[in-house]
């Protein structure tokens, strides 16, 4: 019987395999390598090499993430996903979010979300309905000033209360 020598993958190869499926943040790659049991020095050397070849770049990662998800969530939710879940530096995320998403864009997005929610849930002008909409918009990651402005802009889209029908 021929003995097959199984070559162990280098941390760099493991990282490349991980990055091949989709873009990842530096922290995601670091966590993956530690999970595979590589030493701190091996992980640091691998990350350095990956950065040198531009296989990982958190600035580009954030921009790519925003390209795909900026129309799905508000600023706060995007920031939470990028910092807490993806492990990207909060300052970097804040700078890129401020650069790429203006308050006017956030307001337009919040108004569109609100109109859709109002029509789906058939909300009326009652305080309870407006509070429900506000809470839902907050859960999507919009800030309160944007939420209040959006609710006042969609005022005509609410149904009249049941006692007025």
Protein backbone atom coordinates (compact mmCIF):
# COMPACT_ATOMS: atom_id res chain seq x y z
CA UNK A 1 0.00 0.00 0.00
CA UNK A 2 1.23 3.40 -0.90
CA UNK A 3 1.24 5.86 1.94
CA UNK A 4 -0.20 9.16 0.96
CA UNK A 5 1.33 12.06 2.74
CA UNK A 6 -1.31 14.58 3.52
CA UNK A 7 0.10 18.05 3.31
CA UNK A 8 -1.12 20.45 5.92
CA UNK A 9 -2.41 23.71 4.56
CA UNK A 10 -0.55 26.84 5.45
CA UNK A 11 -2.47 29.59 7.21
CA UNK A 12 -2.19 31.62 4.00
CA UNK A 13 -3.85 28.82 2.00
CA UNK A 14 -6.61 28.47 4.59
CA UNK A 15 -7.21 32.23 4.43
CA UNK A 16 -7.30 32.18 0.63
CA UNK A 17 -9.82 29.34 0.66
CA UNK A 18 -11.94 31.34 3.10
CA UNK A 19 -11.70 34.52 1.03
CA UNK A 20 -12.45 32.73 -2.21
CA UNK A 21 -16.13 32.34 -1.36
CA UNK A 22 -16.79 36.00 -0.57
CA UNK A 23 -15.13 39.15 0.74
CA UNK A 24 -14.33 39.11 4.44
CA UNK A 25 -13.18 41.63 7.00
CA UNK A 26 -9.76 41.34 8.59
CA UNK A 27 -11.33 40.22 11.87
CA UNK A 28 -13.31 37.45 10.18
CA UNK A 29 -10.14 36.07 8.60
CA UNK A 30 -8.23 36.40 11.87
CA UNK A 31 -10.98 34.57 13.78
CA UNK A 32 -11.04 31.80 11.18
CA UNK A 33 -7.28 31.27 11.45
CA UNK A 34 -7.35 31.21 15.26
CA UNK A 35 -10.24 28.73 15.11
CA UNK A 36 -8.08 26.49 12.92
CA UNK A 37 -5.45 26.53 15.68
CA UNK A 38 -2.72 28.71 14.20
CA UNK A 39 -0.42 30.67 16.50
CA UNK A 40 -0.58 34.41 16.98
CA UNK A 41 2.63 34.90 14.99
CA UNK A 42 1.34 32.76 12.08
CA UNK A 43 -1.92 34.70 12.02
CA UNK A 44 -0.18 38.08 12.11
CA UNK A 45 2.23 37.06 9.34
CA UNK A 46 -0.63 35.76 7.22
CA UNK A 47 -2.71 38.92 7.71
CA UNK A 48 0.30 41.04 6.81
CA UNK A 49 0.82 39.06 3.60
CA UNK A 50 -2.91 39.22 2.74
CA UNK A 51 -2.88 43.00 3.20
CA UNK A 52 0.25 43.32 1.10
CA UNK A 53 -1.46 41.49 -1.76
CA UNK A 54 -4.66 43.48 -1.07
CA UNK A 55 -6.69 40.33 -0.47
CA UNK A 56 -8.09 41.96 2.65
CA UNK A 57 -8.78 45.64 3.01
CA UNK A 58 -11.40 46.74 5.51
CA UNK A 59 -11.96 50.08 3.74
CA UNK A 60 -12.87 48.32 0.50
CA UNK A 61 -14.82 45.71 2.44
CA UNK A 62 -17.02 48.39 4.04
CA UNK A 63 -17.63 50.06 0.67
CA UNK A 64 -18.57 46.73 -0.88
CA UNK A 65 -20.84 45.89 2.04
CA UNK A 66 -22.61 49.24 1.69
CA UNK A 67 -23.06 48.72 -2.04
CA UNK A 68 -25.11 45.61 -1.31
CA UNK A 69 -26.88 46.56 1.93
CA UNK A 70 -27.30 50.35 2.09
CA UNK A 71 -30.85 50.15 0.71
CA UNK A 72 -31.85 47.45 3.17
CA UNK A 73 -30.94 49.11 6.48
CA UNK A 74 -30.53 52.50 8.12
CA UNK A 75 -27.14 53.92 9.12
CA UNK A 76 -27.23 52.65 12.70
CA UNK A 77 -28.05 49.08 11.65
CA UNK A 78 -25.33 49.13 8.98
CA UNK A 79 -22.84 50.40 11.54
CA UNK A 80 -23.86 47.69 14.01
CA UNK A 81 -23.52 44.92 11.43
CA UNK A 82 -20.11 46.16 10.29
CA UNK A 83 -18.66 46.75 13.75
CA UNK A 84 -20.23 44.16 16.05
CA UNK A 85 -20.77 41.35 13.55
CA UNK A 86 -17.98 41.87 11.02
CA UNK A 87 -15.46 43.38 13.44
CA UNK A 88 -14.51 46.44 11.40
CA UNK A 89 -13.14 49.48 13.25
CA UNK A 90 -15.96 51.80 14.36
CA UNK A 91 -14.12 54.98 13.34
CA UNK A 92 -13.49 53.65 9.82
CA UNK A 93 -17.12 52.58 9.45
CA UNK A 94 -18.37 55.96 10.69
CA UNK A 95 -16.18 57.86 8.23
CA UNK A 96 -17.28 55.78 5.25
CA UNK A 97 -20.95 55.88 6.25
CA UNK A 98 -20.84 59.67 6.57
CA UNK A 99 -19.09 59.90 3.21
CA UNK A 100 -21.47 57.57 1.37
CA UNK A 101 -24.86 58.13 3.04
CA UNK A 102 -26.17 61.65 3.46
CA UNK A 103 -29.05 62.54 5.76
CA UNK A 104 -31.15 63.31 2.68
CA UNK A 105 -30.56 59.81 1.33
CA UNK A 106 -31.40 58.33 4.74
CA UNK A 107 -34.62 60.36 4.82
CA UNK A 108 -35.64 59.21 1.33
CA UNK A 109 -34.95 55.62 2.31
CA UNK A 110 -36.89 55.97 5.59
CA UNK A 111 -39.86 57.51 3.76
CA UNK A 112 -39.89 54.66 1.23
CA UNK A 113 -39.70 52.08 4.04
CA UNK A 114 -42.47 53.89 5.94
CA UNK A 115 -44.81 54.04 2.94
CA UNK A 116 -44.36 50.34 2.28
CA UNK A 117 -44.92 49.47 5.95
CA UNK A 118 -48.02 51.67 6.17
CA UNK A 119 -49.59 50.03 3.13
CA UNK A 120 -48.71 46.50 4.24
CA UNK A 121 -49.95 46.96 7.80
CA UNK A 122 -52.82 49.28 6.83
CA UNK A 123 -51.91 51.78 9.54
CA UNK A 124 -54.16 54.66 10.45
CA UNK A 125 -53.34 58.11 11.85
CA UNK A 126 -53.65 57.02 15.48
CA UNK A 127 -50.77 57.59 17.87
CA UNK A 128 -50.43 53.83 18.34
CA UNK A 129 -49.97 53.30 14.59
CA UNK A 130 -47.40 56.06 14.35
CA UNK A 131 -45.55 54.67 17.36
CA UNK A 132 -45.59 51.22 15.77
CA UNK A 133 -44.14 52.67 12.56
CA UNK A 134 -41.51 54.64 14.47
CA UNK A 135 -40.41 51.55 16.41
CA UNK A 136 -40.23 49.51 13.23
CA UNK A 137 -38.10 52.17 11.50
CA UNK A 138 -35.85 52.31 14.57
CA UNK A 139 -35.40 48.53 14.38
CA UNK A 140 -34.29 48.95 10.77
CA UNK A 141 -31.51 51.26 11.95
CA UNK A 142 -32.82 54.77 11.40
CA UNK A 143 -32.07 57.56 13.85
CA UNK A 144 -34.94 59.31 15.66
CA UNK A 145 -34.61 62.63 13.85
CA UNK A 146 -34.85 60.83 10.48
CA UNK A 147 -37.79 58.76 11.76
CA UNK A 148 -39.72 61.85 12.91
CA UNK A 149 -39.10 63.63 9.62
CA UNK A 150 -40.14 60.54 7.64
CA UNK A 151 -43.37 60.12 9.61
CA UNK A 152 -44.34 63.73 9.02
CA UNK A 153 -43.61 63.33 5.29
CA UNK A 154 -45.81 60.26 4.93
CA UNK A 155 -48.74 61.77 6.83
CA UNK A 156 -51.09 61.53 3.84
CA UNK A 157 -50.35 57.83 3.35
CA UNK A 158 -51.94 56.84 6.67
CA UNK A 159 -55.51 55.63 6.55
CA UNK A 160 -58.11 57.69 8.41
CA UNK A 161 -58.92 56.28 11.87
CA UNK A 162 -61.77 53.73 12.02
CA UNK A 163 -64.12 56.19 13.72
CA UNK A 164 -63.84 58.59 10.74
CA UNK A 165 -64.71 56.00 8.07
